[in-house]
Amino acid sequence: QVQLVESGGGLVQAGGSLRLSCTSAGRTFDSYAIAWFRQVPEKERDFVAAISWSGGSTYYADSVKGRFTISRDNAKNTVYLQMNSLKPEDTAVYYCAGTSSGSWPPYISPETDYWGQGTQVTVSS
């Protein structure tokens, strides 16, 4: 079973950078598309970025294009989200999620696919 674990969150000033990591505590996820989502209290979870199982395709929300970069190292069983030029509105809990469904951009089911527990990112102004 794939058990996703996020790390790398924290507090950063506006304009700064953070790199989030997503690893699997269980089986490897090199056959899974992985996506990052974020959520603020009392709002729905929003899509941020996704990467195909091979790393050959990526997809971003308009709000992060040009600032965030998703990448993966399947040898290390890790997906990264490099976040640059951070803004206070990027403050949220960030989740990684994975699916083997094969669709692109990937649809990740809240019920049947794999989700991590989240990591808090706070950007101060």
Protein backbone atom coordinates (compact mmCIF):
# COMPACT_ATOMS: atom_id res chain seq x y z
CA GLN A 1 0.00 0.00 0.00
CA VAL A 2 1.17 3.52 -0.80
CA GLN A 3 1.46 5.72 2.29
CA LEU A 4 2.35 9.27 1.37
CA VAL A 5 4.24 11.52 3.77
CA GLU A 6 4.84 15.23 3.18
CA SER A 7 7.67 17.27 4.66
CA GLY A 8 9.36 20.62 4.20
CA GLY A 9 6.64 22.99 5.27
CA GLY A 10 7.30 25.94 7.54
CA LEU A 11 7.22 29.68 7.98
CA VAL A 12 8.79 31.90 5.32
CA GLN A 13 8.63 35.59 4.43
CA ALA A 14 6.93 36.77 1.28
CA GLY A 15 9.27 36.43 -1.67
CA GLY A 16 11.05 33.49 -0.12
CA SER A 17 11.23 29.85 -1.12
CA LEU A 18 10.42 26.43 0.28
CA ARG A 19 10.76 22.93 -1.10
CA LEU A 20 8.19 20.35 -0.13
CA SER A 21 8.85 16.63 -0.40
CA CYS A 22 6.44 13.75 -0.75
CA THR A 23 7.65 10.21 -0.11
CA SER A 24 5.99 6.85 0.26
CA ALA A 25 6.35 5.07 3.58
CA GLY A 26 5.04 1.92 1.96
CA ARG A 27 5.48 0.56 -1.52
CA THR A 28 7.12 2.64 -4.21
CA PHE A 29 4.95 4.99 -6.22
CA ASP A 30 6.94 5.12 -9.45
CA SER A 31 3.86 3.99 -11.38
CA TYR A 32 1.67 6.72 -9.89
CA ALA A 33 0.93 10.23 -11.04
CA ILE A 34 1.43 12.53 -8.06
CA ALA A 35 -0.24 15.85 -7.41
CA TRP A 36 -0.05 18.58 -4.83
CA PHE A 37 -3.15 20.22 -3.41
CA ARG A 38 -3.59 22.92 -0.79
CA GLN A 39 -6.33 23.88 1.59
CA VAL A 40 -7.09 26.78 3.88
CA PRO A 41 -9.64 26.54 6.71
CA GLU A 42 -13.28 26.51 5.64
CA LYS A 43 -12.41 26.32 1.95
CA GLU A 44 -12.22 23.46 -0.52
CA ARG A 45 -8.97 21.74 -1.33
CA ASP A 46 -7.40 23.30 -4.44
CA PHE A 47 -5.20 21.69 -7.06
CA VAL A 48 -1.65 23.07 -7.26
CA ALA A 49 0.46 20.90 -9.55
CA ALA A 50 0.77 17.37 -10.93
CA ILE A 51 3.45 15.19 -12.45
CA SER A 52 3.13 12.01 -14.48
CA TRP A 53 4.62 8.72 -13.31
CA SER A 54 7.66 9.17 -15.55
CA GLY A 55 8.10 12.87 -14.81
CA GLY A 56 7.69 13.65 -18.49
CA SER A 57 4.50 15.64 -18.07
CA THR A 58 3.61 18.34 -15.59
CA TYR A 59 0.54 20.48 -15.04
CA TYR A 60 0.04 23.58 -12.90
CA ALA A 61 -2.72 25.73 -11.56
CA ASP A 62 -2.63 29.20 -13.10
CA SER A 63 -2.03 30.73 -9.68
CA VAL A 64 1.38 29.05 -9.32
CA LYS A 65 2.66 28.90 -12.90
CA GLY A 66 6.13 30.36 -13.18
CA ARG A 67 6.66 30.24 -9.41
CA PHE A 68 6.28 26.57 -8.47
CA THR A 69 8.03 23.57 -10.01
CA ILE A 70 7.04 19.95 -9.49
CA SER A 71 9.61 17.21 -10.06
CA ARG A 72 10.26 13.64 -9.06
CA ASP A 73 13.14 11.28 -8.42
CA ASN A 74 11.77 7.76 -8.69
CA ALA A 75 15.07 6.29 -7.54
CA LYS A 76 14.52 8.12 -4.25
CA ASN A 77 10.78 7.51 -4.27
CA THR A 78 10.23 11.24 -3.82
CA VAL A 79 8.26 14.01 -5.47
CA TYR A 80 9.22 17.62 -4.86
CA LEU A 81 7.40 20.92 -5.02
CA GLN A 82 9.82 23.82 -5.30
CA MET A 83 7.99 27.00 -4.34
CA ASN A 84 9.60 30.32 -5.18
CA SER A 85 8.40 33.93 -4.91
CA LEU A 86 5.97 32.89 -2.22
CA LYS A 87 3.02 35.12 -1.43
CA PRO A 88 0.86 35.34 1.70
CA GLU A 89 -2.01 33.84 -0.31
CA ASP A 90 0.07 30.66 -0.72
CA THR A 91 -0.43 30.02 3.00
CA ALA A 92 -2.22 26.68 3.37
CA VAL A 93 -1.84 23.05 4.33
CA TYR A 94 -0.24 21.29 1.37
CA TYR A 95 -1.13 17.70 0.57
CA CYS A 96 0.37 15.27 -1.87
CA ALA A 97 -1.79 12.62 -3.48
CA GLY A 98 -1.25 9.77 -5.89
CA THR A 99 -3.21 7.80 -8.43
CA SER A 100 -2.52 4.96 -10.83
CA SER A 101 -5.64 5.73 -12.86
CA GLY A 102 -3.69 6.75 -15.98
CA SER A 103 -5.78 9.82 -16.80
CA TRP A 104 -4.03 13.10 -17.60
CA PRO A 105 -4.23 15.55 -16.06
CA PRO A 106 -4.79 13.11 -13.26
CA TYR A 107 -8.08 12.88 -11.44
CA ILE A 108 -7.37 11.95 -7.84
CA SER A 109 -10.26 10.61 -5.86
CA PRO A 110 -10.61 11.82 -2.26
CA GLU A 111 -12.08 8.42 -1.42
CA THR A 112 -10.17 5.80 -3.36
CA ASP A 113 -6.72 7.24 -4.12
CA TYR A 114 -3.81 7.92 -1.78
CA TRP A 115 -3.36 11.09 0.25
CA GLY A 116 -0.80 12.31 2.74
CA GLN A 117 -1.56 14.02 6.03
CA GLY A 118 -0.40 17.45 4.91
CA THR A 119 2.28 19.96 5.82
CA GLN A 120 1.66 23.56 6.82
CA VAL A 121 3.12 26.38 4.76
CA THR A 122 2.84 29.88 6.19
CA VAL A 123 3.98 32.93 4.24
CA SER A 124 4.25 36.13 6.23
CA SER A 125 3.88 39.56 4.65
